[in-house]
Amino acid sequence: MLALAANQWKAHLRLNLSFVKTTRMVIAIGFEGSANKLGIGIIKDGEVLSNPRHTYITPPGQGFLPKDTAKHHREHALSVLKAALEEANVKPEEIDVVCYTKGPGMGAPLVSTALVARTVAQLWKKPIVAVNHCIGHIEMGRLITGAQNPTVLYVSGGNTQVIAYSDRCYRIFGETIDIAVGNCLDRFARVLKLSNDPSPGYNIEQLAKKGKQYLEMPYVVKGMDVSFSGLLSYIEEKAPKLIESGAYTPEDLCFSLQETVFAMLIEITERAMAHCDSNEVLIVGGVGCNKRLQEMMGIMASERGATLYATDERFCIDNGAMIAQAGWEMYRTGVVTPLKETTCTQRFRTDEVEVTWRS
């Protein structure tokens, strides 16, 4: 009985200490490097103190290889970290928790960035939290826009998912069954030899604004899922001949591609909203910066009497602050990752994470 009482007292004490710890102001630093952007951001109780990043840009027509991207991250990690601390006017001893992207993403860049985060956590003697990249996007979007319980369209170079929260989990209602929409756009940009600065998708968006003639393309929606690989193969094969013959301009093809893939995404998003009886929709991820996608989604939301939430390139493109924000939410509810478990994985599903910070 005495042993039981002692154990109960210890548990009670731990709960009280945890409550004290999580109700005070918490400063989190986040390290993001899952693809070609290295970002380090600092969050203080929902306020973005700093969010610098450095992007690895390859020549036109080329993608970015994992080993070269990892090398880029290693070369710029210290300068970006210094910029984050200086911009936030925060000293290492003021940081409460170090957060890093565990996955999903490209293996070598993930590992190189996690190594920096682990080193910093040990040097500064701080706890560390492993964050799901997709959850980082969602929590950043909710923070910046104020969306309460939105249906989420997550669109980026590596991921395409329609997500909604239910019972302590972000549940995936639909997704791509092959390549992500951002990857589809990026690969078509290579066909046209478009610049990768600032990004292939951005340059496709600018050309699409000048397109006038629509080319019908494969439209592949399978239930709640979408497929882009067949569409990409179709346009990759047709584009050179269509442009050479003068039947279509590069601007026309960019316009046609955007209209087709975005219509597919909006269809499955609307279906998820209907299922969830949702009156909010939030677009996150790098492709979410696209103004045409936001315009099309806004029309659909308006027709449903719903509200569209979206952010600009500061927060929808991969960044360190989003990892800090998600890690901040996790840390406040008592989640800490043991050092021996601070690994990385290229496949880390959104619905694998227990959402401890939402009721």
Protein backbone atom coordinates (compact mmCIF):
# COMPACT_ATOMS: atom_id res chain seq x y z
CA MET A 1 0.00 0.00 0.00
CA LEU A 2 2.82 2.40 0.88
CA ALA A 3 4.56 1.60 -2.42
CA LEU A 4 1.31 2.21 -4.31
CA ALA A 5 0.74 5.50 -2.52
CA ALA A 6 4.31 6.59 -3.25
CA ASN A 7 3.88 5.75 -6.94
CA GLN A 8 0.60 7.67 -7.07
CA TRP A 9 2.29 10.68 -5.45
CA LYS A 10 5.14 10.55 -7.97
CA ALA A 11 2.67 10.37 -10.85
CA HIS A 12 0.73 13.31 -9.36
CA LEU A 13 3.95 15.31 -8.98
CA ARG A 14 4.97 14.59 -12.60
CA LEU A 15 1.57 15.79 -13.82
CA ASN A 16 1.84 18.98 -11.81
CA LEU A 17 5.39 19.65 -13.03
CA SER A 18 4.27 18.99 -16.60
CA PHE A 19 1.39 21.45 -16.16
CA VAL A 20 3.72 24.14 -14.81
CA LYS A 21 6.16 23.53 -17.64
CA THR A 22 3.62 23.70 -20.44
CA THR A 23 1.62 26.71 -19.24
CA ARG A 24 4.59 29.11 -19.28
CA MET A 25 5.95 30.76 -22.44
CA VAL A 26 7.68 28.18 -24.62
CA ILE A 27 10.24 28.93 -27.34
CA ALA A 28 10.77 26.25 -29.98
CA ILE A 29 13.30 26.11 -32.81
CA GLY A 30 12.51 24.01 -35.87
CA PHE A 31 14.84 22.48 -38.47
CA GLU A 32 13.36 21.60 -41.88
CA GLY A 33 15.32 20.00 -44.70
CA SER A 34 13.16 17.29 -46.28
CA ALA A 35 13.68 18.52 -49.85
CA ASN A 36 15.61 21.33 -51.53
CA LYS A 37 14.81 23.99 -48.94
CA LEU A 38 16.74 24.29 -45.70
CA GLY A 39 14.75 26.27 -43.15
CA ILE A 40 15.26 27.09 -39.49
CA GLY A 41 12.51 28.93 -37.64
CA ILE A 42 11.79 30.04 -34.09
CA ILE A 43 8.32 30.17 -32.53
CA LYS A 44 7.35 31.68 -29.18
CA ASP A 45 3.84 30.70 -28.10
CA GLY A 46 2.31 31.07 -31.55
CA GLU A 47 4.41 34.06 -32.60
CA VAL A 48 6.87 33.62 -35.47
CA LEU A 49 10.11 35.24 -34.31
CA SER A 50 12.22 34.22 -37.31
CA ASN A 51 11.96 31.98 -40.35
CA PRO A 52 14.99 32.18 -42.71
CA ARG A 53 15.65 29.54 -45.34
CA HIS A 54 18.04 28.76 -48.17
CA THR A 55 16.97 26.97 -51.36
CA TYR A 56 19.08 24.63 -53.47
CA ILE A 57 18.45 25.66 -57.09
CA THR A 58 19.59 23.53 -60.02
CA PRO A 59 20.05 24.56 -63.69
CA PRO A 60 16.94 24.66 -65.96
CA GLY A 61 15.76 21.22 -67.01
CA GLN A 62 17.31 19.47 -64.02
CA GLY A 63 15.89 18.18 -60.76
CA PHE A 64 17.75 17.99 -57.46
CA LEU A 65 19.54 14.81 -56.43
CA PRO A 66 19.46 13.67 -52.77
CA LYS A 67 23.25 13.67 -52.28
CA ASP A 68 23.66 17.16 -53.77
CA THR A 69 20.73 18.50 -51.76
CA ALA A 70 22.18 17.06 -48.55
CA LYS A 71 25.51 18.70 -49.35
CA HIS A 72 23.72 22.03 -49.82
CA HIS A 73 22.05 21.68 -46.41
CA ARG A 74 25.32 20.86 -44.67
CA GLU A 75 27.04 23.86 -46.24
CA HIS A 76 24.36 26.36 -45.22
CA ALA A 77 23.13 24.97 -41.88
CA LEU A 78 25.26 27.20 -39.66
CA SER A 79 24.59 30.42 -41.58
CA VAL A 80 20.82 29.81 -41.57
CA LEU A 81 20.92 28.91 -37.85
CA LYS A 82 22.83 32.11 -37.09
CA ALA A 83 20.32 34.14 -39.11
CA ALA A 84 17.39 32.54 -37.25
CA LEU A 85 18.83 33.35 -33.83
CA GLU A 86 19.80 36.91 -34.78
CA GLU A 87 16.46 37.70 -36.40
CA ALA A 88 14.56 36.33 -33.40
CA ASN A 89 16.93 38.06 -30.97
CA VAL A 90 17.04 34.84 -28.98
CA LYS A 91 20.00 33.17 -27.29
CA PRO A 92 20.48 29.39 -27.25
CA GLU A 93 19.86 29.25 -23.49
CA GLU A 94 16.39 30.75 -24.05
CA ILE A 95 15.32 27.93 -26.37
CA ASP A 96 13.10 25.37 -24.62
CA VAL A 97 12.89 22.64 -27.26
CA VAL A 98 14.59 21.67 -30.53
CA CYS A 99 12.31 20.27 -33.25
CA TYR A 100 13.25 18.61 -36.53
CA THR A 101 11.60 16.95 -39.52
CA LYS A 102 11.57 13.18 -39.12
CA GLY A 103 9.87 12.62 -42.49
CA PRO A 104 8.47 12.16 -45.05
CA GLY A 105 11.02 13.44 -47.54
CA MET A 106 14.28 12.67 -49.30
CA GLY A 107 16.54 10.45 -47.22
CA ALA A 108 19.91 12.19 -47.46
CA PRO A 109 18.62 15.77 -46.88
CA LEU A 110 16.48 14.59 -43.97
CA VAL A 111 19.44 12.88 -42.30
CA SER A 112 21.82 15.82 -42.79
CA THR A 113 19.31 18.23 -41.23
CA ALA A 114 18.44 15.88 -38.36
CA LEU A 115 22.14 15.57 -37.58
CA VAL A 116 22.35 19.34 -37.10
CA ALA A 117 19.26 19.34 -34.89
CA ARG A 118 20.58 16.49 -32.72
CA THR A 119 23.94 18.20 -32.36
CA VAL A 120 22.34 21.48 -31.36
CA ALA A 121 20.04 19.76 -28.86
CA GLN A 122 23.01 18.07 -27.15
CA LEU A 123 25.23 21.15 -27.20
CA TRP A 124 22.48 23.34 -25.77
CA LYS A 125 21.22 20.55 -23.46
CA LYS A 126 17.66 20.81 -24.74
CA PRO A 127 14.93 18.19 -25.30
CA ILE A 128 14.21 17.24 -28.90
CA VAL A 129 10.95 16.50 -30.73
CA ALA A 130 10.63 14.61 -34.03
CA VAL A 131 7.94 16.17 -36.25
CA ASN A 132 5.92 14.85 -39.17
CA HIS A 133 6.49 17.19 -42.14
CA CYS A 134 2.83 17.12 -43.22
CA ILE A 135 1.60 17.91 -39.69
CA GLY A 136 4.00 20.87 -39.70
CA HIS A 137 2.29 22.29 -42.78
CA ILE A 138 -1.16 21.83 -41.27
CA GLU A 139 -0.34 23.39 -37.90
CA MET A 140 1.43 26.32 -39.56
CA GLY A 141 -1.59 26.90 -41.77
CA ARG A 142 -3.95 26.80 -38.80
CA LEU A 143 -1.74 29.20 -36.84
CA ILE A 144 -1.34 31.80 -39.59
CA THR A 145 -4.91 31.75 -40.94
CA GLY A 146 -6.84 31.11 -37.74
CA ALA A 147 -8.74 28.19 -39.30
CA GLN A 148 -10.31 26.11 -36.54
CA ASN A 149 -11.24 22.73 -37.99
CA PRO A 150 -10.74 22.85 -41.75
CA THR A 151 -10.70 20.20 -44.42
CA VAL A 152 -7.09 20.40 -45.60
CA LEU A 153 -5.73 20.11 -49.12
CA TYR A 154 -2.03 19.40 -48.77
CA VAL A 155 -0.23 19.84 -52.08
CA SER A 156 3.54 19.89 -52.58
CA GLY A 157 6.36 18.42 -54.62
CA GLY A 158 6.28 15.17 -52.67
CA ASN A 159 2.74 14.92 -51.28
CA THR A 160 -0.88 15.28 -52.35
CA GLN A 161 -3.53 14.54 -49.72
CA VAL A 162 -7.00 15.62 -48.60
CA ILE A 163 -7.07 15.53 -44.80
CA ALA A 164 -9.52 16.18 -41.97
CA TYR A 165 -9.14 15.90 -38.21
CA SER A 166 -11.12 13.33 -36.23
CA ASP A 167 -10.59 11.66 -32.85
CA ARG A 168 -6.94 12.66 -32.19
CA CYS A 169 -5.78 11.95 -35.72
CA TYR A 170 -5.43 13.74 -39.05
CA ARG A 171 -7.22 11.30 -41.32
CA ILE A 172 -6.48 11.02 -45.04
CA PHE A 173 -9.66 11.04 -47.14
CA GLY A 174 -7.94 11.00 -50.51
CA GLU A 175 -4.47 11.18 -52.02
CA THR A 176 -2.39 10.63 -55.12
CA ILE A 177 -1.87 7.00 -56.06
CA ASP A 178 1.37 7.73 -57.90
CA ILE A 179 3.23 11.06 -58.11
CA ALA A 180 2.46 14.28 -56.26
CA VAL A 181 0.93 17.25 -58.07
CA GLY A 182 4.02 19.36 -57.40
CA ASN A 183 6.23 16.69 -58.93
CA CYS A 184 3.95 16.62 -61.99
CA LEU A 185 4.31 20.38 -62.46
CA ASP A 186 8.05 20.34 -61.82
CA ARG A 187 8.67 17.60 -64.36
CA PHE A 188 6.68 19.39 -67.04
CA ALA A 189 8.73 22.52 -66.30
CA ARG A 190 11.82 20.47 -67.19
CA VAL A 191 10.24 19.58 -70.56
CA LEU A 192 9.89 23.30 -71.27
CA LYS A 193 13.38 23.99 -69.83
CA LEU A 194 11.93 26.53 -67.40
CA SER A 195 14.10 28.05 -64.70
CA ASN A 196 14.11 26.49 -61.23
CA ASP A 197 14.46 29.97 -59.73
CA PRO A 198 12.49 30.61 -57.56
CA SER A 199 10.70 27.33 -58.38
CA PRO A 200 9.48 25.43 -61.46
CA GLY A 201 5.86 25.55 -60.27
CA TYR A 202 5.97 29.32 -59.87
CA ASN A 203 7.28 29.77 -63.41
CA ILE A 204 4.58 27.47 -64.79
CA GLU A 205 2.01 29.61 -62.96
CA GLN A 206 3.33 32.79 -64.61
CA LEU A 207 3.20 31.27 -68.10
CA ALA A 208 -0.28 29.86 -67.46
CA LYS A 209 -1.61 33.37 -66.88
CA LYS A 210 -0.91 34.09 -70.57
CA GLY A 211 -2.43 30.87 -71.90
CA LYS A 212 -5.61 31.16 -73.97
CA GLN A 213 -6.20 27.81 -75.66
CA TYR A 214 -7.17 24.78 -73.59
CA LEU A 215 -5.85 21.32 -74.47
CA GLU A 216 -7.98 18.48 -73.17
CA MET A 217 -5.88 16.10 -71.06
CA PRO A 218 -6.48 12.86 -69.14
CA TYR A 219 -8.58 13.60 -66.05
CA VAL A 220 -8.05 10.76 -63.57
CA VAL A 221 -10.06 10.73 -60.34
CA LYS A 222 -10.60 7.31 -58.80
CA GLY A 223 -13.06 7.61 -55.95
CA MET A 224 -11.31 9.93 -53.49
CA ASP A 225 -7.87 9.46 -55.05
CA VAL A 226 -6.15 11.11 -58.00
CA SER A 227 -3.50 10.01 -60.49
CA PHE A 228 -1.06 12.32 -62.28
CA SER A 229 1.46 9.98 -63.90
CA GLY A 230 -0.62 9.20 -66.99
CA LEU A 231 -1.44 12.86 -67.49
CA LEU A 232 2.24 13.74 -67.21
CA SER A 233 3.28 11.07 -69.72
CA TYR A 234 0.63 12.36 -72.11
CA ILE A 235 1.75 15.99 -71.97
CA GLU A 236 5.46 15.09 -72.00
CA GLU A 237 4.93 13.20 -75.26
CA LYS A 238 2.60 15.73 -76.92
CA ALA A 239 4.23 19.01 -75.89
CA PRO A 240 7.25 19.13 -78.25
CA LYS A 241 5.12 18.34 -81.32
CA LEU A 242 2.29 20.69 -80.36
CA ILE A 243 4.69 23.58 -79.77
CA GLU A 244 6.74 22.87 -82.90
CA SER A 245 3.60 22.77 -85.08
CA GLY A 246 2.36 26.05 -83.64
CA ALA A 247 -0.94 24.47 -82.57
CA TYR A 248 -0.30 25.38 -78.93
CA THR A 249 2.12 27.68 -77.15
CA PRO A 250 4.02 26.79 -73.97
CA GLU A 251 1.69 29.23 -72.21
CA ASP A 252 -1.35 27.29 -73.49
CA LEU A 253 0.06 23.99 -72.24
CA CYS A 254 0.89 25.40 -68.79
CA PHE A 255 -2.62 26.83 -68.58
CA SER A 256 -4.18 23.51 -69.64
CA LEU A 257 -2.10 21.48 -67.22
CA GLN A 258 -2.94 23.72 -64.26
CA GLU A 259 -6.67 23.79 -65.02
CA THR A 260 -6.82 20.00 -65.28
CA VAL A 261 -4.84 19.01 -62.19
CA PHE A 262 -6.42 21.71 -60.01
CA ALA A 263 -9.94 20.67 -61.05
CA MET A 264 -9.12 17.10 -59.98
CA LEU A 265 -7.90 18.33 -56.60
CA ILE A 266 -10.92 20.52 -55.99
CA GLU A 267 -13.30 17.67 -56.85
CA ILE A 268 -11.93 15.37 -54.16
CA THR A 269 -11.63 18.23 -51.66
CA GLU A 270 -15.28 19.16 -52.12
CA ARG A 271 -16.31 15.55 -51.67
CA ALA A 272 -14.38 15.37 -48.39
CA MET A 273 -15.97 18.62 -47.21
CA ALA A 274 -19.42 17.21 -47.95
CA HIS A 275 -18.62 14.02 -46.02
CA CYS A 276 -17.32 15.96 -43.00
CA ASP A 277 -19.99 18.67 -43.23
CA SER A 278 -17.11 21.14 -43.19
CA ASN A 279 -17.41 24.89 -43.64
CA GLU A 280 -13.66 25.59 -43.80
CA VAL A 281 -11.01 24.54 -46.31
CA LEU A 282 -7.29 25.15 -45.84
CA ILE A 283 -4.66 24.82 -48.58
CA VAL A 284 -1.13 24.02 -47.39
CA GLY A 285 2.13 22.96 -49.04
CA GLY A 286 4.28 24.58 -51.70
CA VAL A 287 1.73 24.28 -54.52
CA GLY A 288 -0.76 25.99 -52.21
CA CYS A 289 0.89 29.33 -53.07
CA ASN A 290 -0.56 29.10 -56.58
CA LYS A 291 -3.07 31.93 -57.03
CA ARG A 292 -5.10 30.06 -59.62
CA LEU A 293 -5.53 27.08 -57.30
CA GLN A 294 -6.63 29.46 -54.54
CA GLU A 295 -9.05 31.17 -56.95
CA MET A 296 -10.63 27.88 -58.08
CA MET A 297 -10.87 26.59 -54.51
CA GLY A 298 -12.38 29.91 -53.41
CA ILE A 299 -15.14 29.58 -56.01
CA MET A 300 -15.98 26.07 -54.80
CA ALA A 301 -15.92 27.15 -51.15
CA SER A 302 -18.15 30.14 -51.88
CA GLU A 303 -20.71 27.94 -53.61
CA ARG A 304 -20.82 25.76 -50.49
CA GLY A 305 -21.05 28.72 -48.12
CA ALA A 306 -17.62 27.80 -46.77
CA THR A 307 -14.48 29.83 -46.07
CA LEU A 308 -11.15 29.37 -47.85
CA TYR A 309 -7.92 29.76 -45.89
CA ALA A 310 -4.49 29.96 -47.55
CA THR A 311 -1.07 31.45 -46.88
CA ASP A 312 1.64 33.04 -49.00
CA GLU A 313 5.09 31.70 -49.90
CA ARG A 314 6.55 32.59 -46.47
CA PHE A 315 4.59 29.81 -44.81
CA CYS A 316 3.20 27.46 -47.47
CA ILE A 317 6.64 26.63 -48.87
CA ASP A 318 8.76 24.33 -46.66
CA ASN A 319 10.12 26.33 -43.71
CA GLY A 320 11.56 25.86 -40.25
CA ALA A 321 8.83 27.75 -38.40
CA MET A 322 6.22 25.16 -39.35
CA ILE A 323 8.33 22.42 -37.74
CA ALA A 324 8.82 24.61 -34.67
CA GLN A 325 5.07 25.22 -34.45
CA ALA A 326 4.11 21.54 -34.67
CA GLY A 327 6.90 20.63 -32.23
CA TRP A 328 5.76 23.42 -29.91
CA GLU A 329 2.24 21.93 -29.86
CA MET A 330 3.62 18.45 -29.19
CA TYR A 331 6.03 19.59 -26.47
CA ARG A 332 3.31 21.49 -24.59
CA THR A 333 1.37 18.23 -24.26
CA GLY A 334 4.38 16.36 -22.90
CA VAL A 335 5.74 14.79 -26.10
CA VAL A 336 9.54 14.48 -26.20
CA THR A 337 11.58 12.16 -28.45
CA PRO A 338 14.34 10.11 -26.78
CA LEU A 339 17.68 10.83 -28.44
CA LYS A 340 18.10 7.20 -29.56
CA GLU A 341 14.77 7.48 -31.43
CA THR A 342 15.62 10.69 -33.33
CA THR A 343 15.79 8.88 -36.64
CA CYS A 344 14.46 9.82 -40.08
CA THR A 345 12.15 8.03 -42.48
CA GLN A 346 11.25 8.80 -46.08
CA ARG A 347 7.76 7.42 -45.50
CA PHE A 348 5.92 8.86 -42.52
CA ARG A 349 2.16 8.97 -43.00
CA THR A 350 0.12 11.93 -41.76
CA ASP A 351 -2.33 9.56 -40.08
CA GLU A 352 0.42 7.78 -38.11
CA VAL A 353 0.71 10.69 -35.67
CA GLU A 354 -1.38 10.86 -32.50
CA VAL A 355 -2.61 14.45 -32.30
CA THR A 356 -2.32 15.07 -28.56
CA TRP A 357 -2.87 18.84 -28.71
CA ARG A 358 -6.37 18.91 -30.20
CA SER A 359 -9.60 17.87 -28.51
